[in-house]
Amino acid sequence: MLYYDTEMQQLFKQLGLNDDPDSIDDFIEQNKIYTHELHIADAPCWSKSQSDFLRESIYYDSKWSDSIDELDIILRN
């Protein structure tokens, strides 16, 4: 299990996902992104509203953008 800071847990909560560390680990293992051409918001694991949230958060450099960038890196490793 990786260590997740409270910001990552809050991001999962904001996305409507389980935010406990075991659930985050499971999500990451089940939803790896294997191509660098795929934008995180376009990954098939997201609903339309989750995808829109991710895209807008990155575009507007919202308070979530750092956590989204971190999640993007984790999903690709």
N, C-alpha and C. Protein backbone atom coordinates (compact mmCIF):
# COMPACT_ATOMS: atom_id res chain seq x y z
N MET A 1 0.85 -1.18 0.00
CA MET A 1 0.00 0.00 0.00
C MET A 1 0.89 1.24 0.00
N LEU A 2 0.56 2.15 -0.86
CA LEU A 2 1.26 3.43 -0.90
C LEU A 2 0.70 4.35 0.18
N TYR A 3 1.48 5.34 0.53
CA TYR A 3 0.99 6.36 1.47
C TYR A 3 0.30 7.45 0.65
N TYR A 4 -0.89 7.80 1.04
CA TYR A 4 -1.63 8.87 0.37
C TYR A 4 -1.88 10.00 1.35
N ASP A 5 -1.53 11.21 0.95
CA ASP A 5 -1.79 12.35 1.81
C ASP A 5 -3.29 12.66 1.80
N THR A 6 -3.67 13.53 2.70
CA THR A 6 -5.10 13.84 2.83
C THR A 6 -5.63 14.51 1.56
N GLU A 7 -4.79 15.22 0.83
CA GLU A 7 -5.25 15.85 -0.41
C GLU A 7 -5.66 14.81 -1.45
N MET A 8 -4.91 13.71 -1.54
CA MET A 8 -5.28 12.64 -2.48
C MET A 8 -6.58 11.98 -2.02
N GLN A 9 -6.70 11.77 -0.74
CA GLN A 9 -7.94 11.18 -0.22
C GLN A 9 -9.12 12.12 -0.47
N GLN A 10 -8.91 13.41 -0.33
CA GLN A 10 -9.97 14.38 -0.59
C GLN A 10 -10.34 14.41 -2.07
N LEU A 11 -9.35 14.24 -2.94
CA LEU A 11 -9.64 14.19 -4.38
C LEU A 11 -10.54 12.99 -4.68
N PHE A 12 -10.22 11.84 -4.12
CA PHE A 12 -11.06 10.67 -4.35
C PHE A 12 -12.47 10.90 -3.81
N LYS A 13 -12.55 11.54 -2.68
CA LYS A 13 -13.87 11.86 -2.12
C LYS A 13 -14.62 12.81 -3.05
N GLN A 14 -13.94 13.82 -3.56
CA GLN A 14 -14.54 14.79 -4.48
C GLN A 14 -15.05 14.10 -5.75
N LEU A 15 -14.33 13.07 -6.17
CA LEU A 15 -14.72 12.31 -7.36
C LEU A 15 -15.83 11.30 -7.07
N GLY A 16 -16.22 11.21 -5.81
CA GLY A 16 -17.28 10.27 -5.44
C GLY A 16 -16.80 8.84 -5.29
N LEU A 17 -15.50 8.69 -5.07
CA LEU A 17 -14.90 7.36 -4.92
C LEU A 17 -14.56 7.11 -3.46
N ASN A 18 -14.41 5.84 -3.11
CA ASN A 18 -13.97 5.51 -1.75
C ASN A 18 -12.60 6.11 -1.53
N ASP A 19 -12.40 6.74 -0.39
CA ASP A 19 -11.17 7.49 -0.16
C ASP A 19 -10.25 6.89 0.89
N ASP A 20 -10.51 5.66 1.32
CA ASP A 20 -9.58 5.03 2.26
C ASP A 20 -8.39 4.48 1.47
N PRO A 21 -7.22 4.37 2.10
CA PRO A 21 -6.01 3.96 1.37
C PRO A 21 -6.13 2.63 0.62
N ASP A 22 -6.79 1.64 1.19
CA ASP A 22 -6.94 0.36 0.49
C ASP A 22 -7.78 0.52 -0.78
N SER A 23 -8.83 1.31 -0.71
CA SER A 23 -9.67 1.54 -1.90
C SER A 23 -8.92 2.32 -2.96
N ILE A 24 -8.11 3.28 -2.55
CA ILE A 24 -7.29 4.03 -3.51
C ILE A 24 -6.31 3.09 -4.19
N ASP A 25 -5.65 2.22 -3.42
CA ASP A 25 -4.74 1.23 -4.00
C ASP A 25 -5.46 0.36 -5.03
N ASP A 26 -6.63 -0.13 -4.66
CA ASP A 26 -7.40 -0.99 -5.57
C ASP A 26 -7.75 -0.25 -6.85
N PHE A 27 -8.19 1.00 -6.71
CA PHE A 27 -8.54 1.80 -7.89
C PHE A 27 -7.33 1.95 -8.81
N ILE A 28 -6.19 2.27 -8.24
CA ILE A 28 -4.98 2.48 -9.03
C ILE A 28 -4.57 1.20 -9.75
N GLU A 29 -4.61 0.09 -9.05
CA GLU A 29 -4.23 -1.19 -9.66
C GLU A 29 -5.17 -1.58 -10.79
N GLN A 30 -6.43 -1.25 -10.67
CA GLN A 30 -7.43 -1.65 -11.66
C GLN A 30 -7.55 -0.67 -12.83
N ASN A 31 -6.93 0.50 -12.71
CA ASN A 31 -7.15 1.55 -13.72
C ASN A 31 -5.85 2.18 -14.22
N LYS A 32 -4.81 1.37 -14.36
CA LYS A 32 -3.54 1.88 -14.86
C LYS A 32 -3.73 2.48 -16.26
N ILE A 33 -2.97 3.51 -16.54
CA ILE A 33 -2.94 4.14 -17.87
C ILE A 33 -1.60 3.75 -18.50
N TYR A 34 -1.67 3.02 -19.61
CA TYR A 34 -0.46 2.47 -20.21
C TYR A 34 0.06 3.27 -21.40
N THR A 35 -0.63 4.30 -21.79
CA THR A 35 -0.16 5.11 -22.91
C THR A 35 -0.04 6.57 -22.47
N HIS A 36 1.03 7.19 -22.91
CA HIS A 36 1.23 8.60 -22.54
C HIS A 36 0.39 9.54 -23.38
N GLU A 37 -0.18 9.04 -24.47
CA GLU A 37 -1.01 9.88 -25.32
C GLU A 37 -2.39 10.13 -24.72
N LEU A 38 -2.80 9.29 -23.79
CA LEU A 38 -4.13 9.41 -23.20
C LEU A 38 -4.13 10.43 -22.06
N HIS A 39 -4.95 11.44 -22.17
CA HIS A 39 -5.11 12.43 -21.11
C HIS A 39 -5.82 11.77 -19.94
N ILE A 40 -5.43 12.09 -18.73
CA ILE A 40 -6.03 11.45 -17.55
C ILE A 40 -7.56 11.57 -17.56
N ALA A 41 -8.08 12.68 -18.01
CA ALA A 41 -9.53 12.88 -18.02
C ALA A 41 -10.23 11.99 -19.05
N ASP A 42 -9.48 11.45 -20.00
CA ASP A 42 -10.05 10.59 -21.03
C ASP A 42 -9.93 9.10 -20.70
N ALA A 43 -9.38 8.78 -19.55
CA ALA A 43 -9.26 7.37 -19.17
C ALA A 43 -10.65 6.76 -19.03
N PRO A 44 -10.80 5.51 -19.43
CA PRO A 44 -12.13 4.89 -19.44
C PRO A 44 -12.74 4.65 -18.06
N CYS A 45 -11.99 4.83 -17.01
CA CYS A 45 -12.50 4.56 -15.66
C CYS A 45 -13.40 5.66 -15.13
N TRP A 46 -13.43 6.82 -15.78
CA TRP A 46 -14.20 7.95 -15.26
C TRP A 46 -15.59 8.04 -15.87
N SER A 47 -16.52 8.50 -15.07
CA SER A 47 -17.83 8.87 -15.60
C SER A 47 -17.67 10.21 -16.33
N LYS A 48 -18.69 10.62 -17.05
CA LYS A 48 -18.62 11.91 -17.75
C LYS A 48 -18.40 13.05 -16.77
N SER A 49 -19.11 13.05 -15.65
CA SER A 49 -18.96 14.15 -14.69
C SER A 49 -17.57 14.13 -14.05
N GLN A 50 -17.02 12.96 -13.77
CA GLN A 50 -15.67 12.89 -13.23
C GLN A 50 -14.66 13.39 -14.25
N SER A 51 -14.83 12.98 -15.49
CA SER A 51 -13.94 13.42 -16.56
C SER A 51 -14.00 14.93 -16.73
N ASP A 52 -15.19 15.49 -16.73
CA ASP A 52 -15.35 16.94 -16.84
C ASP A 52 -14.68 17.65 -15.67
N PHE A 53 -14.85 17.12 -14.48
CA PHE A 53 -14.23 17.72 -13.29
C PHE A 53 -12.71 17.72 -13.43
N LEU A 54 -12.13 16.60 -13.82
CA LEU A 54 -10.68 16.51 -13.97
C LEU A 54 -10.18 17.49 -15.02
N ARG A 55 -10.83 17.51 -16.17
CA ARG A 55 -10.41 18.39 -17.26
C ARG A 55 -10.49 19.87 -16.85
N GLU A 56 -11.60 20.26 -16.24
CA GLU A 56 -11.78 21.66 -15.83
C GLU A 56 -10.82 22.04 -14.71
N SER A 57 -10.57 21.13 -13.80
CA SER A 57 -9.65 21.42 -12.69
C SER A 57 -8.24 21.67 -13.21
N ILE A 58 -7.83 20.89 -14.19
CA ILE A 58 -6.51 21.09 -14.78
C ILE A 58 -6.48 22.39 -15.59
N TYR A 59 -7.49 22.60 -16.41
CA TYR A 59 -7.55 23.78 -17.27
C TYR A 59 -7.50 25.07 -16.45
N TYR A 60 -8.26 25.12 -15.37
CA TYR A 60 -8.33 26.33 -14.55
C TYR A 60 -7.31 26.34 -13.42
N ASP A 61 -6.43 25.35 -13.40
CA ASP A 61 -5.40 25.25 -12.36
C ASP A 61 -6.02 25.42 -10.97
N SER A 62 -7.05 24.63 -10.72
CA SER A 62 -7.77 24.72 -9.46
C SER A 62 -6.95 24.12 -8.32
N LYS A 63 -7.51 24.18 -7.13
CA LYS A 63 -6.81 23.64 -5.96
C LYS A 63 -6.59 22.13 -6.09
N TRP A 64 -7.31 21.48 -6.99
CA TRP A 64 -7.19 20.04 -7.18
C TRP A 64 -6.09 19.68 -8.18
N SER A 65 -5.57 20.62 -8.91
CA SER A 65 -4.67 20.29 -10.03
C SER A 65 -3.41 19.56 -9.59
N ASP A 66 -2.83 19.91 -8.46
CA ASP A 66 -1.63 19.20 -7.99
C ASP A 66 -1.94 17.74 -7.66
N SER A 67 -3.05 17.51 -7.00
CA SER A 67 -3.43 16.13 -6.67
C SER A 67 -3.77 15.34 -7.93
N ILE A 68 -4.39 15.98 -8.90
CA ILE A 68 -4.70 15.31 -10.17
C ILE A 68 -3.40 14.96 -10.90
N ASP A 69 -2.44 15.88 -10.90
CA ASP A 69 -1.14 15.59 -11.52
C ASP A 69 -0.46 14.42 -10.83
N GLU A 70 -0.53 14.39 -9.51
CA GLU A 70 0.06 13.29 -8.75
C GLU A 70 -0.63 11.97 -9.10
N LEU A 71 -1.95 11.98 -9.16
CA LEU A 71 -2.70 10.78 -9.52
C LEU A 71 -2.34 10.33 -10.93
N ASP A 72 -2.19 11.26 -11.84
CA ASP A 72 -1.81 10.95 -13.21
C ASP A 72 -0.48 10.20 -13.24
N ILE A 73 0.48 10.68 -12.49
CA ILE A 73 1.80 10.03 -12.43
C ILE A 73 1.67 8.63 -11.85
N ILE A 74 0.92 8.50 -10.77
CA ILE A 74 0.76 7.19 -10.12
C ILE A 74 0.08 6.20 -11.06
N LEU A 75 -0.95 6.64 -11.78
CA LEU A 75 -1.67 5.74 -12.68
C LEU A 75 -0.80 5.28 -13.85
N ARG A 76 0.25 6.03 -14.17
CA ARG A 76 1.12 5.68 -15.30
C ARG A 76 2.34 4.88 -14.87
N ASN A 77 2.55 4.70 -13.59
CA ASN A 77 3.72 3.94 -13.10
C ASN A 77 3.34 2.54 -12.71
